[in-house]
Amino acid sequence: MAHPVMWFEIRGADGDALRHFYGSLFDWSFDVDNPARYGLVHTGSTSGIPGGIGSQFPGARPWVTFYVETPDVTAALASAEALGGKVVVPRTVRPDVTLGLFEDPEGHIVGLVETRAA
């Protein structure tokens, strides 16, 4: 089974300020028409992977990360822990995605997205 990188994310204390910074730097635009004001990035290109910029989760520190697709987020989080990582966000089901986050042994946060049924 392949595990492609399929999303990037930038989270911080002030999502609006981060979107302004990256939008000005890279000429990106954002769709923030959602309750969390999570900014879906429009880079102006059809290449690359999609991503988003928003405010960090309560109690979490700011991060820049990427998300890897996996068939079972719970199993992948358990494997990450067995290899010396730490679960940051357990398997979480949202209306549009099932995800989890872990820190690698050096503290880098990596996201996991559960593969959707075809």
Foldseek 3Di string as FASTA:
>chain_A
DDWDFAEKEWAAAAQVVVCVVCCVVQVWAFDQPDPQSWTWIDNVDPDDHTYTTHYDDPPDHTAIEIEIEDQDQQVVQVVQVVQQKAWDAGFDDDPVWTKTWIAHNVGHIYMYTHDDDD
